C-alpha atoms as a PDB file:
ATOM      1  CA  GLY A   1     127.597  90.182 -51.194  1.00  0.00           C
ATOM      2  CA  SER A   2     124.230  90.680 -52.929  1.00  0.00           C
ATOM      3  CA  SER A   3     123.635  87.102 -53.746  1.00  0.00           C
ATOM      4  CA  VAL A   4     123.799  86.354 -49.930  1.00  0.00           C
ATOM      5  CA  VAL A   5     120.579  88.767 -49.283  1.00  0.00           C
ATOM      6  CA  TRP A   6     118.805  87.422 -52.455  1.00  0.00           C
ATOM      7  CA  VAL A   7     119.032  83.913 -50.945  1.00  0.00           C
ATOM      8  CA  GLN A   8     118.002  85.245 -47.634  1.00  0.00           C
ATOM      9  CA  SER A   9     115.195  87.261 -48.902  1.00  0.00           C
ATOM     10  CA  SER A  10     113.819  84.165 -51.351  1.00  0.00           C
ATOM     11  CA  LEU A  11     113.968  81.985 -48.303  1.00  0.00           C
ATOM     12  CA  ILE A  12     112.004  84.275 -46.349  1.00  0.00           C
ATOM     13  CA  LEU A  13     109.502  84.551 -49.067  1.00  0.00           C
ATOM     14  CA  GLN A  14     109.105  80.982 -49.621  1.00  0.00           C
ATOM     15  CA  LYS A  15     108.817  80.707 -45.455  1.00  0.00           C
ATOM     16  CA  PHE A  16     105.803  83.114 -45.167  1.00  0.00           C
ATOM     17  CA  SER A  17     104.073  82.634 -48.453  1.00  0.00           C
ATOM     18  CA  ASP A  18     101.069  80.707 -48.490  1.00  0.00           C
ATOM     19  CA  ALA A  19     101.890  77.038 -50.444  1.00  0.00           C
ATOM     20  CA  SER A  20      99.108  78.121 -53.226  1.00  0.00           C
ATOM     21  CA  MET A  21     100.822  81.194 -53.833  1.00  0.00           C
ATOM     22  CA  LEU A  22     103.953  80.174 -53.537  1.00  0.00           C
ATOM     23  CA  GLY A  23     104.841  79.925 -57.385  1.00  0.00           C
ATOM     24  CA  ARG A  24     103.249  83.067 -58.090  1.00  0.00           C
ATOM     25  CA  VAL A  25     105.310  85.099 -55.404  1.00  0.00           C
ATOM     26  CA  MET A  26     108.469  83.498 -56.547  1.00  0.00           C
ATOM     27  CA  SER A  27     108.000  84.518 -60.438  1.00  0.00           C
ATOM     28  CA  VAL A  28     107.325  87.986 -59.191  1.00  0.00           C
ATOM     29  CA  ASP A  29     110.410  87.821 -56.964  1.00  0.00           C
ATOM     30  CA  TYR A  30     112.653  86.606 -60.233  1.00  0.00           C
ATOM     31  CA  THR A  31     111.241  88.895 -62.706  1.00  0.00           C
ATOM     32  CA  LEU A  32     111.806  91.927 -60.592  1.00  0.00           C
ATOM     33  CA  ALA A  33     115.217  90.829 -59.942  1.00  0.00           C
ATOM     34  CA  THR A  34     115.673  90.118 -64.167  1.00  0.00           C
ATOM     35  CA  LEU A  35     114.157  93.747 -64.874  1.00  0.00           C
ATOM     36  CA  GLY A  36     116.239  95.333 -62.341  1.00  0.00           C
ATOM     37  CA  GLU A  37     119.513  93.349 -64.243  1.00  0.00           C
ATOM     38  CA  ALA A  38     118.215  94.923 -67.367  1.00  0.00           C
ATOM     39  CA  PHE A  39     117.152  98.438 -66.261  1.00  0.00           C
ATOM     40  CA  SER A  40     121.002  98.316 -64.635  1.00  0.00           C
ATOM     41  CA  ALA A  41     122.158  97.230 -67.980  1.00  0.00           C
ATOM     42  CA  MET A  42     120.500  99.909 -70.096  1.00  0.00           C
ATOM     43  CA  CYS A  43     121.321 102.559 -68.004  1.00  0.00           C
ATOM     44  CA  GLY A  44     124.788 101.637 -68.439  1.00  0.00           C
ATOM     45  CA  GLY A  45     124.514 101.012 -71.977  1.00  0.00           C
ATOM     46  CA  LEU A  46     123.069 104.937 -72.241  1.00  0.00           C
ATOM     47  CA  LEU A  47     125.590 106.552 -69.981  1.00  0.00           C
ATOM     48  CA  GLN A  48     128.373 105.402 -72.221  1.00  0.00           C
ATOM     49  CA  ASP A  49     126.667 105.827 -75.744  1.00  0.00           C
ATOM     50  CA  ASP A  50     124.539 109.035 -75.250  1.00  0.00           C
ATOM     51  CA  ALA A  51     126.323 110.678 -72.312  1.00  0.00           C
ATOM     52  CA  GLY A  52     129.719 109.624 -73.286  1.00  0.00           C
ATOM     53  CA  LEU A  53     130.809 108.279 -69.897  1.00  0.00           C
ATOM     54  CA  SER A  54     133.930 105.715 -69.913  1.00  0.00           C
ATOM     55  CA  ALA A  55     133.158 102.299 -68.395  1.00  0.00           C
ATOM     56  CA  GLU A  56     134.928 103.444 -65.365  1.00  0.00           C
ATOM     57  CA  GLU A  57     132.851 106.563 -65.020  1.00  0.00           C
ATOM     58  CA  VAL A  58     129.640 104.427 -65.081  1.00  0.00           C
ATOM     59  CA  SER A  59     130.918 102.037 -62.714  1.00  0.00           C
ATOM     60  CA  PHE A  60     131.583 105.090 -60.530  1.00  0.00           C
ATOM     61  CA  TRP A  61     128.008 106.528 -61.060  1.00  0.00           C
ATOM     62  CA  MET A  62     126.406 103.150 -60.564  1.00  0.00           C
ATOM     63  CA  ALA A  63     128.485 102.469 -56.974  1.00  0.00           C
ATOM     64  CA  GLY A  64     127.152 105.972 -56.019  1.00  0.00           C
ATOM     65  CA  VAL A  65     123.668 104.956 -56.540  1.00  0.00           C
ATOM     66  CA  ALA A  66     123.907 101.675 -54.858  1.00  0.00           C
ATOM     67  CA  PHE A  67     125.667 103.534 -51.897  1.00  0.00           C
ATOM     68  CA  GLY A  68     122.646 106.063 -51.608  1.00  0.00           C
ATOM     69  CA  THR A  69     120.253 103.288 -51.553  1.00  0.00           C
ATOM     70  CA  LEU A  70     122.284 101.740 -48.751  1.00  0.00           C
ATOM     71  CA  VAL A  71     122.393 104.986 -46.953  1.00  0.00           C
ATOM     72  CA  VAL A  72     118.133 105.417 -47.538  1.00  0.00           C
ATOM     73  CA  TRP A  73     117.655 101.605 -46.571  1.00  0.00           C
ATOM     74  CA  ALA A  74     120.035 101.794 -43.434  1.00  0.00           C
ATOM     75  CA  VAL A  75     118.341 105.170 -42.437  1.00  0.00           C
ATOM     76  CA  TYR A  76     114.672 103.654 -42.879  1.00  0.00           C
ATOM     77  CA  LEU A  77     115.475 100.452 -41.032  1.00  0.00           C
ATOM     78  CA  HIS A  78     116.923 102.655 -38.094  1.00  0.00           C
ATOM     79  CA  VAL A  79     113.801 105.164 -37.960  1.00  0.00           C
ATOM     80  CA  VAL A  80     111.613 101.887 -38.289  1.00  0.00           C
ATOM     81  CA  ARG A  81     113.510  99.475 -35.267  1.00  0.00           C
ATOM     82  CA  VAL A  82     113.977 102.547 -32.834  1.00  0.00           C
END
């Protein structure tokens, strides 16, 4: 799922970036992806350790956040394209 989107967005970045800036643009892309993964892992750990949630509950809440992001993005795209 998300890997396909990331590959597609990486190809779009490569296509529309100036050749002299391509390395910088791609490094920012990879950096933001890595920071997102680290932030997600940190939030999951904090929810388990400090909030006392089980792994299943953390997965449920993170799925809810992902679904909420999907809804916001879909509404944004619908408004922009219409």
